[in-house]
Amino acid sequence: MLCGGATAEEGIPSSPTQQQLTSTALIIPVSPTQQKIASTALFAGKSYMKSTVEKVRDLATKGPLSFRVLAFLGGIAMVVSSLLDIIQQFLAFHPVNTLIALYTTVLGLIIVFLEGKEWACPVSFQRSIRHNAKFLEFTWGRGCLYFFAGSLQFTRWGIVNMLVGGLMCSVGITAIIVGQSTAEKLNKLRASLKDKQAVEDEFKKLDTKGDGCLSPNQLAILANNLGLDLERNELVAAVTVIDKNGNGKIAFEDFYLWWAGWDYSSDSLSV
């Protein structure tokens, strides 16, 4: 019985505080073996990603890769590194970091689907992505996506995340600049073709197979014949804009529709 104003009997332990209950509820038992396996997998995965990203960045400066190929490889790197981060952040009970890693995983997948060939993603699915996000029809729009995804990846810190994020930011800036320069040259190309007959004549000169299609190299020759030199990335951007089928070839119908529908007074970032 309580007496003398006492509030609790001796020998009876006090109730645990709310903080103690919360801390206890958040503890999930993980065996030392599981922790060791997870740590080993994360270390191996990050080491592999670091070496892969460094090779890709070296190819970006010295090799013949276009910005679209680099975006595709960067998207794969984003997906792999983000999935590894999701595991690590989940085990460390960091819900916010886990959510950010999930976002970068989704963005990486979108980039892979958008820039991948038929074996990576069906053309119909690529069209669906561009249809629902109209800005991705343009090179500058894709560049903005790459830069945003890269900056989000970069904010997660860590050597791998910073390398992958820096790569995607670089590709994004490149795509924006290429989009502007390509639009200016395509404006000049369109202005050089005075009428439909001129379009047909220039196209047929290079359609050596007679199948009504031009390869990217033949498109570059056509532009060069009209006094315009398309650089590698500019040619990739031009084909992306004109080739509506996404098969890597320029059909005469696509070429003519591009010429007839191009708004010469439009903003220079319309590629």
Protein backbone atom coordinates (compact mmCIF):
# COMPACT_ATOMS: atom_id res chain seq x y z
CA MET A 1 0.00 0.00 0.00
CA LEU A 2 1.19 3.51 -0.78
CA CYS A 3 1.86 5.77 2.17
CA GLY A 4 3.47 9.10 2.97
CA GLY A 5 2.69 10.46 -0.47
CA ALA A 6 4.72 7.77 -2.22
CA THR A 7 3.89 7.36 -5.88
CA ALA A 8 5.26 3.90 -6.55
CA GLU A 9 6.03 0.76 -4.58
CA GLU A 10 9.60 -0.26 -4.06
CA GLY A 11 10.78 -3.16 -6.17
CA ILE A 12 8.38 -2.47 -9.03
CA PRO A 13 10.29 -1.31 -12.15
CA SER A 14 9.15 1.90 -13.77
CA SER A 15 7.39 1.73 -17.16
CA PRO A 16 9.60 2.16 -20.24
CA THR A 17 9.53 5.60 -21.82
CA GLN A 18 8.00 6.26 -25.25
CA GLN A 19 11.49 6.80 -26.67
CA GLN A 20 12.63 3.40 -25.40
CA LEU A 21 9.57 1.74 -26.89
CA THR A 22 10.16 3.43 -30.25
CA SER A 23 13.83 2.44 -30.30
CA THR A 24 12.95 -1.15 -29.41
CA ALA A 25 10.29 -1.30 -32.13
CA LEU A 26 12.77 -0.17 -34.79
CA ILE A 27 15.34 -2.85 -34.00
CA ILE A 28 15.29 -5.68 -36.53
CA PRO A 29 17.63 -8.55 -35.70
CA VAL A 30 20.29 -9.06 -38.36
CA SER A 31 22.80 -11.81 -37.83
CA PRO A 32 26.55 -11.09 -38.17
CA THR A 33 26.69 -13.48 -41.13
CA GLN A 34 23.96 -11.55 -42.97
CA GLN A 35 25.71 -8.27 -42.26
CA LYS A 36 29.00 -9.65 -43.56
CA ILE A 37 27.39 -10.99 -46.76
CA ALA A 38 25.59 -7.68 -47.40
CA SER A 39 28.75 -5.65 -46.77
CA THR A 40 30.81 -7.89 -49.08
CA ALA A 41 28.21 -7.65 -51.85
CA LEU A 42 27.98 -3.87 -51.52
CA PHE A 43 31.76 -3.46 -51.57
CA ALA A 44 32.16 -5.71 -54.63
CA GLY A 45 29.31 -3.99 -56.45
CA LYS A 46 30.62 -0.51 -55.75
CA SER A 47 34.17 -1.46 -56.78
CA TYR A 48 32.85 -2.84 -60.08
CA MET A 49 30.68 0.25 -60.67
CA LYS A 50 33.61 2.57 -59.94
CA SER A 51 35.85 0.87 -62.51
CA THR A 52 33.03 0.73 -65.08
CA VAL A 53 32.15 4.41 -64.70
CA GLU A 54 35.80 5.43 -65.05
CA LYS A 55 36.03 3.44 -68.30
CA VAL A 56 32.86 5.08 -69.64
CA ARG A 57 34.13 8.55 -68.76
CA ASP A 58 37.39 7.77 -70.55
CA LEU A 59 35.45 6.67 -73.63
CA ALA A 60 33.45 9.89 -73.45
CA THR A 61 36.63 11.90 -73.97
CA LYS A 62 38.65 9.63 -76.23
CA GLY A 63 36.26 7.15 -77.83
CA PRO A 64 33.65 7.37 -80.59
CA LEU A 65 30.61 7.19 -78.30
CA SER A 66 27.73 9.59 -78.92
CA PHE A 67 25.89 11.36 -76.11
CA ARG A 68 22.96 8.94 -76.51
CA VAL A 69 25.20 5.90 -76.01
CA LEU A 70 26.79 7.54 -72.97
CA ALA A 71 23.32 8.34 -71.60
CA PHE A 72 22.32 4.68 -72.05
CA LEU A 73 25.44 3.43 -70.24
CA GLY A 74 25.01 6.09 -67.57
CA GLY A 75 21.40 4.98 -67.08
CA ILE A 76 22.55 1.41 -66.50
CA ALA A 77 25.14 2.65 -64.00
CA MET A 78 22.43 4.66 -62.22
CA VAL A 79 20.14 1.64 -61.92
CA VAL A 80 22.85 -0.70 -60.60
CA SER A 81 24.36 1.78 -58.12
CA SER A 82 20.92 2.89 -56.92
CA LEU A 83 19.77 -0.69 -56.31
CA LEU A 84 22.92 -1.31 -54.26
CA ASP A 85 22.19 1.87 -52.33
CA ILE A 86 18.61 0.81 -51.66
CA ILE A 87 19.91 -2.34 -49.97
CA GLN A 88 22.50 -0.41 -47.96
CA GLN A 89 20.15 2.40 -46.88
CA PHE A 90 17.37 -0.06 -45.99
CA LEU A 91 19.71 -2.05 -43.76
CA ALA A 92 20.86 1.21 -42.15
CA PHE A 93 17.21 2.28 -41.57
CA HIS A 94 17.44 5.52 -43.62
CA PRO A 95 13.98 5.82 -45.23
CA VAL A 96 14.66 9.20 -46.88
CA ASN A 97 17.88 8.01 -48.53
CA THR A 98 16.14 4.80 -49.57
CA LEU A 99 13.37 6.84 -51.24
CA ILE A 100 15.90 9.00 -53.13
CA ALA A 101 17.71 5.88 -54.30
CA LEU A 102 14.36 4.53 -55.52
CA TYR A 103 13.78 7.75 -57.49
CA THR A 104 17.18 7.54 -59.18
CA THR A 105 16.50 3.88 -60.01
CA VAL A 106 13.27 4.84 -61.81
CA LEU A 107 14.97 7.74 -63.63
CA GLY A 108 17.81 5.44 -64.67
CA LEU A 109 15.33 2.92 -66.06
CA ILE A 110 13.53 5.65 -68.04
CA ILE A 111 16.85 6.74 -69.56
CA VAL A 112 17.77 3.15 -70.44
CA PHE A 113 14.37 2.56 -72.07
CA LEU A 114 14.51 5.90 -73.89
CA GLU A 115 17.99 5.50 -75.34
CA GLY A 116 18.16 1.73 -75.71
CA LYS A 117 17.78 -0.07 -79.01
CA GLU A 118 15.01 -2.56 -79.77
CA TRP A 119 16.71 -5.25 -77.66
CA ALA A 120 16.63 -2.97 -74.61
CA CYS A 121 13.14 -1.58 -75.08
CA PRO A 122 10.40 -1.95 -77.74
CA VAL A 123 10.06 1.06 -80.05
CA SER A 124 6.36 1.29 -79.15
CA PHE A 125 7.28 1.75 -75.48
CA GLN A 126 9.80 4.46 -76.36
CA ARG A 127 7.11 6.27 -78.34
CA SER A 128 4.78 5.98 -75.36
CA ILE A 129 7.38 7.61 -73.09
CA ARG A 130 7.91 10.48 -75.55
CA HIS A 131 4.17 10.86 -76.06
CA ASN A 132 3.48 11.25 -72.35
CA ALA A 133 6.50 13.50 -71.79
CA LYS A 134 6.56 15.76 -74.87
CA PHE A 135 9.78 17.51 -73.89
CA LEU A 136 11.64 14.22 -74.40
CA GLU A 137 10.98 14.56 -78.15
CA PHE A 138 13.73 17.19 -78.17
CA THR A 139 17.43 16.74 -77.54
CA TRP A 140 17.49 19.65 -75.10
CA GLY A 141 14.60 18.02 -73.18
CA ARG A 142 16.52 14.79 -72.83
CA GLY A 143 19.54 16.80 -71.73
CA CYS A 144 17.47 18.37 -68.94
CA LEU A 145 16.36 14.90 -67.84
CA TYR A 146 19.96 13.62 -67.80
CA PHE A 147 21.15 16.65 -65.81
CA PHE A 148 18.33 16.39 -63.25
CA ALA A 149 18.88 12.64 -62.78
CA GLY A 150 22.63 13.15 -62.47
CA SER A 151 22.31 15.97 -59.94
CA LEU A 152 19.94 13.85 -57.82
CA GLN A 153 22.40 10.95 -57.95
CA PHE A 154 25.29 13.28 -57.06
CA THR A 155 23.54 14.52 -53.87
CA ARG A 156 23.67 11.01 -52.37
CA TRP A 157 27.44 11.37 -51.97
CA GLY A 158 29.78 8.39 -52.06
CA ILE A 159 32.48 7.99 -54.72
CA VAL A 160 30.33 5.84 -57.04
CA ASN A 161 27.28 8.09 -56.80
CA MET A 162 29.38 11.19 -57.44
CA LEU A 163 31.07 9.59 -60.47
CA VAL A 164 27.79 8.40 -61.98
CA GLY A 165 26.02 11.65 -61.15
CA GLY A 166 28.87 13.72 -62.59
CA LEU A 167 28.81 11.64 -65.78
CA MET A 168 25.06 12.14 -66.26
CA CYS A 169 25.32 15.88 -65.58
CA SER A 170 28.08 16.13 -68.21
CA VAL A 171 26.00 14.18 -70.74
CA GLY A 172 23.00 16.40 -69.97
CA ILE A 173 24.93 19.62 -70.58
CA THR A 174 26.36 18.13 -73.79
CA ALA A 175 22.86 17.21 -75.03
CA ILE A 176 21.52 20.72 -74.36
CA ILE A 177 24.41 22.35 -76.24
CA VAL A 178 24.16 19.83 -79.10
CA GLY A 179 20.41 20.42 -79.33
CA GLN A 180 20.93 24.14 -79.83
CA SER A 181 23.71 23.83 -82.42
CA THR A 182 21.84 21.09 -84.33
CA ALA A 183 18.66 23.19 -84.47
CA GLU A 184 20.59 26.09 -86.01
CA LYS A 185 22.11 23.85 -88.68
CA LEU A 186 18.83 22.10 -89.45
CA ASN A 187 17.18 25.51 -89.84
CA LYS A 188 19.81 26.35 -92.45
CA LEU A 189 19.41 22.96 -94.13
CA ARG A 190 15.67 23.44 -94.40
CA ALA A 191 16.12 26.93 -95.81
CA SER A 192 18.55 25.58 -98.44
CA LEU A 193 15.83 23.29 -99.83
CA LYS A 194 13.61 25.79 -101.60
CA ASP A 195 10.74 23.51 -102.66
CA LYS A 196 9.51 19.93 -102.76
CA GLN A 197 11.35 19.23 -105.99
CA ALA A 198 14.64 20.29 -104.44
CA VAL A 199 13.94 17.99 -101.47
CA GLU A 200 13.28 15.05 -103.80
CA ASP A 201 16.34 15.75 -105.97
CA GLU A 202 18.78 15.97 -103.07
CA PHE A 203 17.30 12.89 -101.41
CA LYS A 204 17.42 10.76 -104.59
CA LYS A 205 21.04 11.69 -105.24
CA LEU A 206 22.06 9.75 -102.14
CA ASP A 207 19.40 7.04 -102.17
CA THR A 208 21.76 4.66 -103.97
CA LYS A 209 19.78 1.55 -103.03
CA GLY A 210 16.52 3.01 -104.26
CA ASP A 211 14.67 1.88 -101.14
CA GLY A 212 13.51 5.37 -100.19
CA CYS A 213 15.77 5.56 -97.12
CA LEU A 214 19.02 7.28 -96.15
CA SER A 215 21.51 6.12 -93.56
CA PRO A 216 22.85 8.62 -91.00
CA ASN A 217 26.09 8.89 -93.00
CA GLN A 218 24.13 9.67 -96.17
CA LEU A 219 22.20 12.36 -94.30
CA ALA A 220 25.54 13.86 -93.25
CA ILE A 221 26.67 13.85 -96.91
CA LEU A 222 23.40 15.52 -97.97
CA ALA A 223 23.94 18.27 -95.41
CA ASN A 224 27.58 18.61 -96.48
CA ASN A 225 26.53 18.99 -100.13
CA LEU A 226 24.44 21.97 -99.04
CA GLY A 227 27.37 23.53 -97.16
CA LEU A 228 26.62 22.22 -93.65
CA ASP A 229 28.99 20.05 -91.61
CA LEU A 230 27.19 17.96 -88.99
CA GLU A 231 29.46 16.75 -86.21
CA ARG A 232 29.00 13.30 -84.68
CA ASN A 233 26.64 14.30 -81.88
CA GLU A 234 24.80 16.76 -84.12
CA LEU A 235 24.18 13.98 -86.63
CA VAL A 236 22.82 11.75 -83.83
CA ALA A 237 20.50 14.56 -82.72
CA ALA A 238 19.38 15.25 -86.31
CA VAL A 239 18.52 11.59 -86.92
CA THR A 240 16.62 11.48 -83.61
CA VAL A 241 14.48 14.43 -84.72
CA ILE A 242 13.82 13.38 -88.33
CA ASP A 243 13.53 9.60 -87.90
CA LYS A 244 10.07 9.19 -86.41
CA ASN A 245 10.10 5.39 -86.70
CA GLY A 246 13.18 5.07 -84.52
CA ASN A 247 14.82 2.50 -86.83
CA GLY A 248 17.96 4.54 -87.44
CA LYS A 249 17.13 5.27 -91.10
CA ILE A 250 15.68 8.38 -92.72
CA ALA A 251 12.69 7.52 -94.90
CA PHE A 252 11.76 10.05 -97.58
CA GLU A 253 8.33 10.54 -96.02
CA ASP A 254 9.90 11.42 -92.66
CA PHE A 255 12.43 13.71 -94.34
CA TYR A 256 9.75 15.51 -96.32
CA LEU A 257 7.41 15.86 -93.34
CA TRP A 258 10.29 17.29 -91.31
CA TRP A 259 11.06 19.78 -94.11
CA ALA A 260 7.40 20.75 -94.70
CA GLY A 261 6.48 20.97 -91.03
CA TRP A 262 9.56 22.75 -89.70
CA ASP A 263 8.84 26.16 -88.29
CA TYR A 264 11.80 28.25 -89.42
CA SER A 265 10.89 31.05 -87.00
CA SER A 266 10.77 28.68 -84.02
CA ASP A 267 13.12 28.87 -81.09
CA SER A 268 16.66 27.56 -81.70
CA LEU A 269 16.17 24.93 -78.99
CA SER A 270 13.53 23.05 -81.03
CA VAL A 271 15.72 19.98 -81.50
